[in-house]
N, C-alpha and C. Protein backbone atom coordinates (compact mmCIF):
# COMPACT_ATOMS: atom_id res chain seq x y z
N UNK A 1 0.83 -1.20 0.00
CA UNK A 1 0.00 0.00 0.00
C UNK A 1 0.88 1.26 0.00
N UNK A 2 2.03 1.19 0.65
CA UNK A 2 2.92 2.34 0.75
C UNK A 2 3.40 2.79 -0.63
N UNK A 3 3.57 1.86 -1.58
CA UNK A 3 4.04 2.16 -2.92
C UNK A 3 2.90 2.44 -3.90
N UNK A 4 1.66 2.23 -3.49
CA UNK A 4 0.51 2.36 -4.39
C UNK A 4 0.02 3.81 -4.42
N UNK A 5 0.80 4.69 -5.06
CA UNK A 5 0.45 6.12 -5.11
C UNK A 5 -0.82 6.38 -5.92
N UNK A 6 -1.09 5.49 -6.90
CA UNK A 6 -2.23 5.69 -7.77
C UNK A 6 -3.57 5.35 -7.11
N UNK A 7 -3.53 4.68 -5.98
CA UNK A 7 -4.77 4.27 -5.30
C UNK A 7 -5.40 5.50 -4.64
N UNK A 8 -6.67 5.69 -4.90
CA UNK A 8 -7.38 6.83 -4.31
C UNK A 8 -7.53 6.61 -2.81
N UNK A 9 -7.23 7.65 -2.04
CA UNK A 9 -7.32 7.55 -0.58
C UNK A 9 -6.23 6.68 0.02
N UNK A 10 -5.06 6.66 -0.64
CA UNK A 10 -3.94 5.82 -0.20
C UNK A 10 -3.52 6.14 1.23
N UNK A 11 -3.40 7.43 1.55
CA UNK A 11 -2.93 7.82 2.88
C UNK A 11 -3.89 7.35 3.97
N UNK A 12 -5.20 7.55 3.75
CA UNK A 12 -6.18 7.10 4.74
C UNK A 12 -6.14 5.58 4.93
N UNK A 13 -5.96 4.85 3.81
CA UNK A 13 -5.91 3.37 3.89
C UNK A 13 -4.66 2.91 4.63
N UNK A 14 -3.53 3.66 4.42
CA UNK A 14 -2.30 3.31 5.14
C UNK A 14 -2.49 3.49 6.65
N UNK A 15 -3.15 4.57 7.04
CA UNK A 15 -3.40 4.80 8.47
C UNK A 15 -4.33 3.74 9.04
N UNK A 16 -5.31 3.35 8.25
CA UNK A 16 -6.25 2.32 8.71
C UNK A 16 -5.54 0.97 8.89
N UNK A 17 -4.72 0.59 7.89
CA UNK A 17 -3.99 -0.68 7.98
C UNK A 17 -2.97 -0.66 9.13
N UNK A 18 -2.27 0.47 9.29
CA UNK A 18 -1.29 0.55 10.37
C UNK A 18 -1.98 0.50 11.73
N UNK A 19 -3.18 1.09 11.80
CA UNK A 19 -3.96 1.02 13.05
C UNK A 19 -4.34 -0.41 13.38
N UNK A 20 -4.73 -1.18 12.36
CA UNK A 20 -5.08 -2.59 12.56
C UNK A 20 -3.86 -3.39 13.00
N UNK A 21 -2.68 -3.10 12.38
CA UNK A 21 -1.45 -3.80 12.75
C UNK A 21 -1.08 -3.51 14.21
N UNK A 22 -1.22 -2.25 14.61
CA UNK A 22 -0.88 -1.87 15.99
C UNK A 22 -1.85 -2.52 16.98
N UNK A 23 -3.11 -2.65 16.56
CA UNK A 23 -4.10 -3.30 17.44
C UNK A 23 -3.76 -4.77 17.65
N UNK A 24 -3.13 -5.42 16.65
CA UNK A 24 -2.73 -6.83 16.75
C UNK A 24 -1.39 -6.99 17.46
N UNK A 25 -0.72 -5.86 17.75
CA UNK A 25 0.57 -5.93 18.43
C UNK A 25 1.74 -5.97 17.48
N UNK A 26 1.51 -5.79 16.20
CA UNK A 26 2.59 -5.79 15.20
C UNK A 26 3.15 -4.37 15.10
N UNK A 27 3.93 -3.98 16.12
CA UNK A 27 4.45 -2.61 16.18
C UNK A 27 5.96 -2.64 15.99
N UNK A 28 6.43 -1.95 14.93
CA UNK A 28 7.87 -1.74 14.75
C UNK A 28 8.08 -0.36 14.14
N UNK A 29 9.35 -0.01 13.91
CA UNK A 29 9.67 1.33 13.43
C UNK A 29 9.08 1.61 12.04
N UNK A 30 8.94 0.56 11.20
CA UNK A 30 8.39 0.75 9.86
C UNK A 30 6.91 1.18 9.88
N UNK A 31 6.17 0.68 10.87
CA UNK A 31 4.75 1.07 11.00
C UNK A 31 4.67 2.58 11.26
N UNK A 32 5.52 3.08 12.15
CA UNK A 32 5.52 4.51 12.46
C UNK A 32 6.03 5.34 11.27
N UNK A 33 7.02 4.76 10.54
CA UNK A 33 7.54 5.42 9.35
C UNK A 33 6.44 5.59 8.30
N UNK A 34 5.67 4.50 8.06
CA UNK A 34 4.57 4.54 7.07
C UNK A 34 3.46 5.49 7.53
N UNK A 35 3.18 5.48 8.82
CA UNK A 35 2.16 6.39 9.36
C UNK A 35 2.59 7.86 9.17
N UNK A 36 3.87 8.14 9.41
CA UNK A 36 4.39 9.50 9.23
C UNK A 36 4.23 9.94 7.78
N UNK A 37 4.53 9.04 6.85
CA UNK A 37 4.40 9.35 5.43
C UNK A 37 2.94 9.64 5.07
N UNK A 38 2.02 8.81 5.59
CA UNK A 38 0.59 9.00 5.31
C UNK A 38 0.09 10.32 5.90
N UNK A 39 0.52 10.62 7.12
CA UNK A 39 0.08 11.86 7.77
C UNK A 39 0.62 13.10 7.03
N UNK A 40 1.85 12.99 6.51
CA UNK A 40 2.41 14.10 5.72
C UNK A 40 1.55 14.36 4.50
N UNK A 41 1.14 13.30 3.80
CA UNK A 41 0.30 13.44 2.61
C UNK A 41 -1.05 14.06 2.95
N UNK A 42 -1.53 13.84 4.15
CA UNK A 42 -2.82 14.40 4.58
C UNK A 42 -2.67 15.82 5.13
N UNK A 43 -1.42 16.30 5.25
CA UNK A 43 -1.20 17.65 5.75
C UNK A 43 -1.23 17.76 7.26
N UNK A 44 -1.13 16.63 7.96
CA UNK A 44 -1.11 16.64 9.44
C UNK A 44 0.35 16.55 9.88
N UNK A 45 1.05 17.67 9.77
CA UNK A 45 2.50 17.68 9.92
C UNK A 45 2.96 17.46 11.36
N UNK A 46 2.27 18.01 12.31
CA UNK A 46 2.68 17.85 13.72
C UNK A 46 2.62 16.36 14.11
N UNK A 47 1.52 15.70 13.75
CA UNK A 47 1.40 14.27 14.05
C UNK A 47 2.43 13.46 13.28
N UNK A 48 2.69 13.86 12.03
CA UNK A 48 3.68 13.15 11.21
C UNK A 48 5.07 13.24 11.84
N UNK A 49 5.41 14.43 12.38
CA UNK A 49 6.71 14.58 13.05
C UNK A 49 6.81 13.68 14.28
N UNK A 50 5.72 13.59 15.03
CA UNK A 50 5.71 12.70 16.21
C UNK A 50 5.95 11.25 15.80
N UNK A 51 5.27 10.82 14.73
CA UNK A 51 5.39 9.42 14.27
C UNK A 51 6.80 9.13 13.76
N UNK A 52 7.38 10.05 12.95
CA UNK A 52 8.72 9.79 12.40
C UNK A 52 9.78 9.84 13.49
N UNK A 53 9.61 10.73 14.48
CA UNK A 53 10.55 10.78 15.60
C UNK A 53 10.49 9.49 16.40
N UNK A 54 9.26 8.95 16.54
CA UNK A 54 9.09 7.67 17.25
C UNK A 54 9.79 6.55 16.47
N UNK A 55 9.65 6.57 15.13
CA UNK A 55 10.29 5.54 14.30
C UNK A 55 11.81 5.64 14.40
N UNK A 56 12.37 6.85 14.37
CA UNK A 56 13.82 7.05 14.48
C UNK A 56 14.31 6.58 15.85
N UNK A 57 13.54 6.87 16.88
CA UNK A 57 13.90 6.44 18.24
C UNK A 57 13.91 4.92 18.37
N UNK A 58 12.97 4.25 17.69
CA UNK A 58 12.88 2.77 17.77
C UNK A 58 13.95 2.07 16.94
N UNK A 59 14.52 2.78 15.96
CA UNK A 59 15.47 2.17 15.03
C UNK A 59 16.74 1.76 15.78
N UNK A 60 17.18 0.57 15.51
CA UNK A 60 18.38 0.06 16.19
C UNK A 60 19.65 0.71 15.64
N UNK A 61 20.75 0.55 16.39
CA UNK A 61 22.04 1.11 16.01
C UNK A 61 22.59 0.30 14.84
N UNK A 62 23.21 1.01 13.90
CA UNK A 62 23.86 0.34 12.79
C UNK A 62 23.02 0.29 11.53
N UNK A 63 21.79 0.71 11.57
CA UNK A 63 20.93 0.72 10.37
C UNK A 63 21.01 2.08 9.69
N UNK A 64 22.20 2.43 9.21
CA UNK A 64 22.42 3.76 8.64
C UNK A 64 21.57 4.02 7.40
N UNK A 65 21.43 3.05 6.52
CA UNK A 65 20.67 3.24 5.28
C UNK A 65 19.20 3.52 5.61
N UNK A 66 18.65 2.73 6.55
CA UNK A 66 17.25 2.91 6.96
C UNK A 66 17.12 4.25 7.69
N UNK A 67 18.10 4.55 8.54
CA UNK A 67 18.08 5.80 9.30
C UNK A 67 18.03 7.00 8.34
N UNK A 68 18.80 6.93 7.24
CA UNK A 68 18.79 8.01 6.25
C UNK A 68 17.41 8.17 5.61
N UNK A 69 16.74 7.02 5.34
CA UNK A 69 15.38 7.08 4.79
C UNK A 69 14.43 7.79 5.75
N UNK A 70 14.56 7.47 7.04
CA UNK A 70 13.70 8.07 8.05
C UNK A 70 13.97 9.58 8.18
N UNK A 71 15.28 9.92 8.15
CA UNK A 71 15.65 11.34 8.25
C UNK A 71 15.15 12.10 7.02
N UNK A 72 15.23 11.48 5.83
CA UNK A 72 14.70 12.13 4.62
C UNK A 72 13.19 12.36 4.74
N UNK A 73 12.49 11.39 5.31
CA UNK A 73 11.04 11.55 5.51
C UNK A 73 10.77 12.70 6.47
N UNK A 74 11.60 12.77 7.52
CA UNK A 74 11.43 13.86 8.49
C UNK A 74 11.66 15.22 7.81
N UNK A 75 12.69 15.29 6.95
CA UNK A 75 12.96 16.53 6.22
C UNK A 75 11.81 16.86 5.27
N UNK A 76 11.24 15.85 4.63
CA UNK A 76 10.10 16.06 3.73
C UNK A 76 8.91 16.63 4.49
N UNK A 77 8.70 16.10 5.70
CA UNK A 77 7.59 16.61 6.54
C UNK A 77 7.81 18.08 6.86
N UNK A 78 9.04 18.42 7.27
CA UNK A 78 9.35 19.80 7.65
C UNK A 78 9.23 20.74 6.44
N UNK A 79 9.78 20.31 5.29
CA UNK A 79 9.70 21.13 4.08
C UNK A 79 8.24 21.32 3.66
N UNK A 80 7.45 20.24 3.71
CA UNK A 80 6.03 20.35 3.36
C UNK A 80 5.31 21.31 4.29
N UNK A 81 5.63 21.25 5.59
CA UNK A 81 5.01 22.13 6.58
C UNK A 81 5.40 23.59 6.30
N UNK A 82 6.68 23.80 6.00
CA UNK A 82 7.14 25.17 5.72
C UNK A 82 6.52 25.71 4.42
N UNK A 83 6.39 24.83 3.43
CA UNK A 83 5.78 25.25 2.17
C UNK A 83 4.31 25.61 2.39
N UNK A 84 3.61 24.83 3.20
CA UNK A 84 2.20 25.14 3.50
C UNK A 84 2.10 26.49 4.21
N UNK A 85 2.99 26.72 5.20
CA UNK A 85 2.97 27.99 5.93
C UNK A 85 3.28 29.16 4.99
N UNK A 86 4.27 28.94 4.10
CA UNK A 86 4.62 30.00 3.15
C UNK A 86 3.45 30.28 2.20
N UNK A 87 2.81 29.20 1.71
CA UNK A 87 1.67 29.36 0.80
C UNK A 87 0.52 30.11 1.49
N UNK A 88 0.26 29.77 2.75
CA UNK A 88 -0.80 30.45 3.50
C UNK A 88 -0.45 31.92 3.70
N UNK A 89 0.82 32.18 4.05
CA UNK A 89 1.27 33.56 4.24
C UNK A 89 1.17 34.35 2.95
N UNK A 90 1.58 33.72 1.85
CA UNK A 90 1.52 34.37 0.55
C UNK A 90 0.07 34.63 0.13
N UNK A 91 -0.79 33.65 0.35
CA UNK A 91 -2.21 33.81 0.01
C UNK A 91 -2.83 34.94 0.82
N UNK A 92 -2.46 35.01 2.12
CA UNK A 92 -2.98 36.08 2.98
C UNK A 92 -2.49 37.44 2.50
N UNK A 93 -1.19 37.50 2.15
CA UNK A 93 -0.61 38.75 1.67
C UNK A 93 -1.27 39.20 0.37
N UNK A 94 -1.44 38.25 -0.56
CA UNK A 94 -2.09 38.57 -1.84
C UNK A 94 -3.53 38.98 -1.60
N UNK A 95 -4.21 38.27 -0.69
CA UNK A 95 -5.60 38.61 -0.36
C UNK A 95 -5.70 40.03 0.18
N UNK A 96 -4.79 40.39 1.10
CA UNK A 96 -4.79 41.75 1.66
C UNK A 96 -4.53 42.79 0.57
N UNK A 97 -3.58 42.47 -0.32
CA UNK A 97 -3.25 43.39 -1.41
C UNK A 97 -4.44 43.58 -2.35
N UNK A 98 -5.12 42.46 -2.67
CA UNK A 98 -6.29 42.53 -3.55
C UNK A 98 -7.39 43.36 -2.89
N UNK A 99 -7.61 43.15 -1.59
CA UNK A 99 -8.63 43.91 -0.85
C UNK A 99 -8.28 45.39 -0.86
N UNK A 100 -7.00 45.70 -0.64
CA UNK A 100 -6.55 47.11 -0.63
C UNK A 100 -6.77 47.77 -1.99
N UNK A 101 -6.40 47.05 -3.06
CA UNK A 101 -6.59 47.58 -4.43
C UNK A 101 -8.08 47.78 -4.70
N UNK A 102 -8.89 46.78 -4.30
CA UNK A 102 -10.34 46.88 -4.54
C UNK A 102 -10.92 48.06 -3.78
N UNK A 103 -10.48 48.26 -2.52
CA UNK A 103 -10.99 49.39 -1.73
C UNK A 103 -10.60 50.72 -2.38
N UNK A 104 -9.35 50.82 -2.89
CA UNK A 104 -8.92 52.04 -3.55
C UNK A 104 -9.77 52.32 -4.79
N UNK A 105 -10.03 51.26 -5.57
CA UNK A 105 -10.82 51.44 -6.79
C UNK A 105 -12.25 51.82 -6.46
N UNK A 106 -12.79 51.23 -5.39
CA UNK A 106 -14.16 51.58 -4.98
C UNK A 106 -14.21 53.03 -4.54
N UNK A 107 -13.19 53.47 -3.78
CA UNK A 107 -13.13 54.88 -3.36
C UNK A 107 -13.05 55.82 -4.56
N UNK A 108 -12.19 55.47 -5.53
CA UNK A 108 -12.04 56.30 -6.73
C UNK A 108 -13.36 56.36 -7.50
N UNK A 109 -14.00 55.19 -7.65
CA UNK A 109 -15.28 55.15 -8.37
C UNK A 109 -16.34 55.95 -7.63
N UNK A 110 -16.33 55.85 -6.30
CA UNK A 110 -17.28 56.60 -5.48
C UNK A 110 -17.07 58.10 -5.64
N UNK A 111 -15.79 58.52 -5.59
CA UNK A 111 -15.48 59.93 -5.76
C UNK A 111 -15.89 60.43 -7.14
N UNK A 112 -15.60 59.62 -8.16
CA UNK A 112 -15.96 59.99 -9.53
C UNK A 112 -17.48 60.10 -9.68
N UNK A 113 -18.18 59.12 -9.11
CA UNK A 113 -19.65 59.13 -9.18
C UNK A 113 -20.22 60.33 -8.45
N UNK A 114 -19.68 60.64 -7.27
CA UNK A 114 -20.13 61.81 -6.50
C UNK A 114 -19.91 63.08 -7.30
N UNK A 115 -18.73 63.19 -7.95
CA UNK A 115 -18.42 64.37 -8.77
C UNK A 115 -19.42 64.48 -9.92
N UNK A 116 -19.71 63.36 -10.58
CA UNK A 116 -20.65 63.38 -11.71
C UNK A 116 -22.05 63.77 -11.25
N UNK A 117 -22.46 63.24 -10.09
CA UNK A 117 -23.78 63.58 -9.55
C UNK A 117 -23.85 65.07 -9.23
N UNK A 118 -22.80 65.60 -8.59
CA UNK A 118 -22.77 67.03 -8.26
C UNK A 118 -22.80 67.88 -9.53
N UNK A 119 -22.05 67.45 -10.55
CA UNK A 119 -22.04 68.18 -11.82
C UNK A 119 -23.42 68.17 -12.46
N UNK A 120 -24.06 66.98 -12.46
CA UNK A 120 -25.41 66.87 -13.04
C UNK A 120 -26.40 67.74 -12.27
N UNK A 121 -26.31 67.73 -10.94
CA UNK A 121 -27.20 68.57 -10.13
C UNK A 121 -26.98 70.05 -10.43
N UNK A 122 -25.71 70.44 -10.58
CA UNK A 122 -25.39 71.84 -10.87
C UNK A 122 -25.94 72.24 -12.24
N UNK A 123 -25.78 71.35 -13.23
CA UNK A 123 -26.29 71.63 -14.57
C UNK A 123 -27.80 71.78 -14.56
N UNK A 124 -28.48 70.84 -13.84
CA UNK A 124 -29.94 70.90 -13.75
C UNK A 124 -30.39 72.18 -13.07
N UNK A 125 -29.74 72.53 -11.94
CA UNK A 125 -30.14 73.74 -11.22
C UNK A 125 -29.87 74.99 -12.05
N UNK A 126 -28.74 75.01 -12.80
CA UNK A 126 -28.46 76.15 -13.66
C UNK A 126 -29.49 76.26 -14.78
N UNK A 127 -29.87 75.12 -15.35
CA UNK A 127 -30.87 75.12 -16.42
C UNK A 127 -32.21 75.62 -15.90
N UNK A 128 -32.58 75.14 -14.71
CA UNK A 128 -33.84 75.61 -14.12
C UNK A 128 -33.80 77.10 -13.84
N UNK A 129 -32.67 77.58 -13.33
CA UNK A 129 -32.52 78.99 -13.05
C UNK A 129 -32.63 79.82 -14.33
N UNK A 130 -31.99 79.32 -15.40
CA UNK A 130 -32.04 80.01 -16.68
C UNK A 130 -33.48 80.06 -17.20
N UNK A 131 -34.20 78.94 -17.07
CA UNK A 131 -35.59 78.90 -17.52
C UNK A 131 -36.44 79.90 -16.73
N UNK A 132 -36.22 79.95 -15.42
CA UNK A 132 -36.96 80.89 -14.58
C UNK A 132 -36.64 82.33 -14.98
N UNK A 133 -35.36 82.62 -15.22
CA UNK A 133 -34.97 83.97 -15.63
C UNK A 133 -35.61 84.35 -16.96
N UNK A 134 -35.58 83.42 -17.93
CA UNK A 134 -36.17 83.69 -19.25
C UNK A 134 -37.68 83.87 -19.13
N UNK A 135 -38.32 83.01 -18.33
CA UNK A 135 -39.77 83.16 -18.12
C UNK A 135 -40.08 84.51 -17.47
N UNK A 136 -39.24 84.91 -16.51
CA UNK A 136 -39.42 86.22 -15.88
C UNK A 136 -39.34 87.35 -16.89
N UNK A 137 -38.35 87.24 -17.79
CA UNK A 137 -38.22 88.26 -18.83
C UNK A 137 -39.42 88.27 -19.77
N UNK A 138 -39.93 87.07 -20.12
CA UNK A 138 -41.11 87.00 -20.99
C UNK A 138 -42.35 87.60 -20.31
N UNK A 139 -42.50 87.31 -19.02
CA UNK A 139 -43.64 87.87 -18.29
C UNK A 139 -43.53 89.39 -18.27
N UNK A 140 -42.31 89.88 -18.02
CA UNK A 140 -42.09 91.33 -18.02
C UNK A 140 -42.41 91.93 -19.39
N UNK A 141 -41.93 91.25 -20.46
CA UNK A 141 -42.21 91.72 -21.81
C UNK A 141 -43.70 91.71 -22.09
N UNK A 142 -44.37 90.62 -21.67
CA UNK A 142 -45.82 90.54 -21.90
C UNK A 142 -46.53 91.70 -21.22
N UNK A 143 -46.15 91.96 -19.97
CA UNK A 143 -46.75 93.09 -19.24
C UNK A 143 -46.47 94.40 -19.94
N UNK A 144 -45.24 94.54 -20.40
CA UNK A 144 -44.86 95.77 -21.10
C UNK A 144 -45.67 95.93 -22.39
N UNK A 145 -45.81 94.83 -23.15
CA UNK A 145 -46.55 94.88 -24.41
C UNK A 145 -48.02 95.20 -24.18
N UNK A 146 -48.60 94.55 -23.19
CA UNK A 146 -50.02 94.80 -22.89
C UNK A 146 -50.21 96.25 -22.45
N UNK A 147 -49.32 96.68 -21.56
CA UNK A 147 -49.40 98.08 -21.10
C UNK A 147 -49.21 99.05 -22.24
N UNK A 148 -48.24 98.79 -23.12
CA UNK A 148 -47.99 99.66 -24.26
C UNK A 148 -49.18 99.66 -25.21
N UNK A 149 -49.78 98.48 -25.42
CA UNK A 149 -50.95 98.38 -26.30
C UNK A 149 -52.11 99.20 -25.77
N UNK A 150 -52.32 99.12 -24.47
CA UNK A 150 -53.40 99.88 -23.85
C UNK A 150 -53.14 101.37 -24.03
N UNK A 151 -51.88 101.78 -23.77
CA UNK A 151 -51.53 103.20 -23.90
C UNK A 151 -51.70 103.65 -25.34
N UNK A 152 -51.31 102.82 -26.34
CA UNK A 152 -51.43 103.17 -27.75
C UNK A 152 -52.90 103.41 -28.09
N UNK A 153 -53.78 102.51 -27.62
CA UNK A 153 -55.20 102.66 -27.92
C UNK A 153 -55.80 103.89 -27.24
N UNK A 154 -55.28 104.25 -26.10
CA UNK A 154 -55.83 105.41 -25.37
C UNK A 154 -55.22 106.72 -25.88
N UNK A 155 -54.08 106.62 -26.57
CA UNK A 155 -53.44 107.85 -27.08
C UNK A 155 -54.31 108.44 -28.19
N UNK A 156 -54.46 109.75 -28.12
CA UNK A 156 -55.34 110.41 -29.09
C UNK A 156 -54.58 111.14 -30.18
N UNK A 157 -53.41 111.64 -29.88
CA UNK A 157 -52.65 112.39 -30.88
C UNK A 157 -51.54 111.52 -31.45
N UNK A 158 -51.05 111.98 -32.60
CA UNK A 158 -49.97 111.24 -33.27
C UNK A 158 -48.71 111.24 -32.44
N UNK A 159 -48.39 112.36 -31.80
CA UNK A 159 -47.16 112.45 -31.00
C UNK A 159 -47.21 111.52 -29.80
N UNK A 160 -48.37 111.37 -29.20
CA UNK A 160 -48.49 110.42 -28.06
C UNK A 160 -48.27 108.99 -28.55
N UNK A 161 -48.86 108.70 -29.73
CA UNK A 161 -48.69 107.34 -30.27
C UNK A 161 -47.21 107.09 -30.67
N UNK A 162 -46.55 108.09 -31.19
CA UNK A 162 -45.14 107.95 -31.57
C UNK A 162 -44.27 107.70 -30.34
N UNK A 163 -44.56 108.41 -29.24
CA UNK A 163 -43.80 108.22 -28.00
C UNK A 163 -44.02 106.81 -27.47
N UNK A 164 -45.26 106.36 -27.49
CA UNK A 164 -45.58 105.00 -26.99
C UNK A 164 -44.91 103.94 -27.86
N UNK A 165 -44.92 104.12 -29.17
CA UNK A 165 -44.28 103.16 -30.08
C UNK A 165 -42.76 103.15 -29.88
N UNK A 166 -42.19 104.32 -29.62
CA UNK A 166 -40.75 104.39 -29.34
C UNK A 166 -40.43 103.65 -28.05
N UNK A 167 -41.25 103.89 -27.03
CA UNK A 167 -41.08 103.14 -25.76
C UNK A 167 -41.21 101.64 -25.99
N UNK A 168 -42.16 101.27 -26.85
CA UNK A 168 -42.40 99.86 -27.16
C UNK A 168 -41.15 99.23 -27.80
N UNK A 169 -40.59 99.93 -28.79
CA UNK A 169 -39.39 99.43 -29.50
C UNK A 169 -38.21 99.38 -28.55
N UNK A 170 -38.00 100.45 -27.77
CA UNK A 170 -36.88 100.50 -26.83
C UNK A 170 -37.03 99.38 -25.78
N UNK A 171 -38.25 99.18 -25.27
CA UNK A 171 -38.51 98.11 -24.29
C UNK A 171 -38.20 96.74 -24.86
N UNK A 172 -38.61 96.53 -26.14
CA UNK A 172 -38.34 95.23 -26.78
C UNK A 172 -36.84 95.02 -26.95
N UNK A 173 -36.14 96.07 -27.34
CA UNK A 173 -34.68 95.96 -27.49
C UNK A 173 -34.01 95.66 -26.14
N UNK A 174 -34.46 96.33 -25.10
CA UNK A 174 -33.92 96.07 -23.75
C UNK A 174 -34.18 94.62 -23.36
N UNK A 175 -35.40 94.14 -23.67
CA UNK A 175 -35.74 92.74 -23.35
C UNK A 175 -34.79 91.78 -24.04
N UNK A 176 -34.59 91.94 -25.35
CA UNK A 176 -33.72 91.02 -26.09
C UNK A 176 -32.26 91.14 -25.66
N UNK A 177 -31.85 92.35 -25.27
CA UNK A 177 -30.49 92.53 -24.75
C UNK A 177 -30.32 91.78 -23.43
N UNK A 178 -31.31 91.94 -22.53
CA UNK A 178 -31.27 91.20 -21.25
C UNK A 178 -31.29 89.69 -21.47
N UNK A 179 -32.12 89.24 -22.41
CA UNK A 179 -32.19 87.80 -22.72
C UNK A 179 -30.84 87.29 -23.21
N UNK A 180 -30.21 88.08 -24.09
CA UNK A 180 -28.90 87.70 -24.62
C UNK A 180 -27.85 87.68 -23.50
N UNK A 181 -27.88 88.65 -22.61
CA UNK A 181 -26.93 88.69 -21.49
C UNK A 181 -27.10 87.49 -20.57
N UNK A 182 -28.34 87.15 -20.25
CA UNK A 182 -28.61 86.02 -19.34
C UNK A 182 -28.08 84.72 -19.94
N UNK A 183 -28.41 84.45 -21.19
CA UNK A 183 -27.96 83.18 -21.80
C UNK A 183 -26.46 83.19 -22.05
N UNK A 184 -25.90 84.32 -22.45
CA UNK A 184 -24.46 84.42 -22.70
C UNK A 184 -23.66 84.29 -21.42
N UNK A 185 -24.14 84.89 -20.30
CA UNK A 185 -23.46 84.80 -19.02
C UNK A 185 -23.36 83.35 -18.54
N UNK A 186 -24.43 82.60 -18.70
CA UNK A 186 -24.44 81.18 -18.30
C UNK A 186 -23.44 80.37 -19.12
N UNK A 187 -23.39 80.65 -20.42
CA UNK A 187 -22.45 79.92 -21.27
C UNK A 187 -21.01 80.19 -20.86
N UNK A 188 -20.69 81.48 -20.57
CA UNK A 188 -19.34 81.85 -20.13
C UNK A 188 -18.98 81.13 -18.83
N UNK A 189 -19.94 81.12 -17.90
CA UNK A 189 -19.70 80.44 -16.61
C UNK A 189 -19.37 78.98 -16.82
N UNK A 190 -20.13 78.31 -17.68
CA UNK A 190 -19.91 76.89 -17.94
C UNK A 190 -18.55 76.65 -18.58
N UNK A 191 -18.17 77.52 -19.52
CA UNK A 191 -16.88 77.40 -20.20
C UNK A 191 -15.74 77.57 -19.21
N UNK A 192 -15.84 78.52 -18.30
CA UNK A 192 -14.80 78.75 -17.29
C UNK A 192 -14.68 77.56 -16.35
N UNK A 193 -15.81 76.93 -16.00
CA UNK A 193 -15.76 75.75 -15.11
C UNK A 193 -15.06 74.59 -15.80
N UNK A 194 -15.33 74.42 -17.10
CA UNK A 194 -14.69 73.33 -17.85
C UNK A 194 -13.19 73.53 -17.90
N UNK A 195 -12.76 74.78 -18.08
CA UNK A 195 -11.33 75.09 -18.15
C UNK A 195 -10.65 74.77 -16.83
N UNK A 196 -11.32 75.08 -15.71
CA UNK A 196 -10.75 74.79 -14.39
C UNK A 196 -10.65 73.30 -14.19
């Protein structure tokens, strides 16, 4: 079973067989060696170290070749444990870095979205203000026209009618000048904001 790497669940089966052998009293250093190997494959490094140390302790004097095999297994356990710790540390570090990058991007997106919302609100409020100003000018013009019309109809002489018509023309020109100033001022403001 120890050499059967292709068998699914090999490590678990080795532990099960070694447990049965130990229950029957068939305990020697090889049983602990095989158990250490199985535990290493399962990622139970602390237990694997205990088992391999027990196997090395049980090994008789003069078995240098076997002792080297046991020591190599012990080194494999330690290297596997260190690699697992390094992988976990690296995964944690990468995870923290990814979280940090994601948080920065979320903050940037949030700031950009807030800026766009504020810009949209400013544009809407400016448009509404412009509409109100233009409507105010139209209401003023309407009042002026109605008043001028009434005065024209009530005027009896040509000179009175000429004065009223002159006022009418001058008032209309003032209205269109004010309308032009209001719309032109808003455009200038918007252009200056874009430049900033």
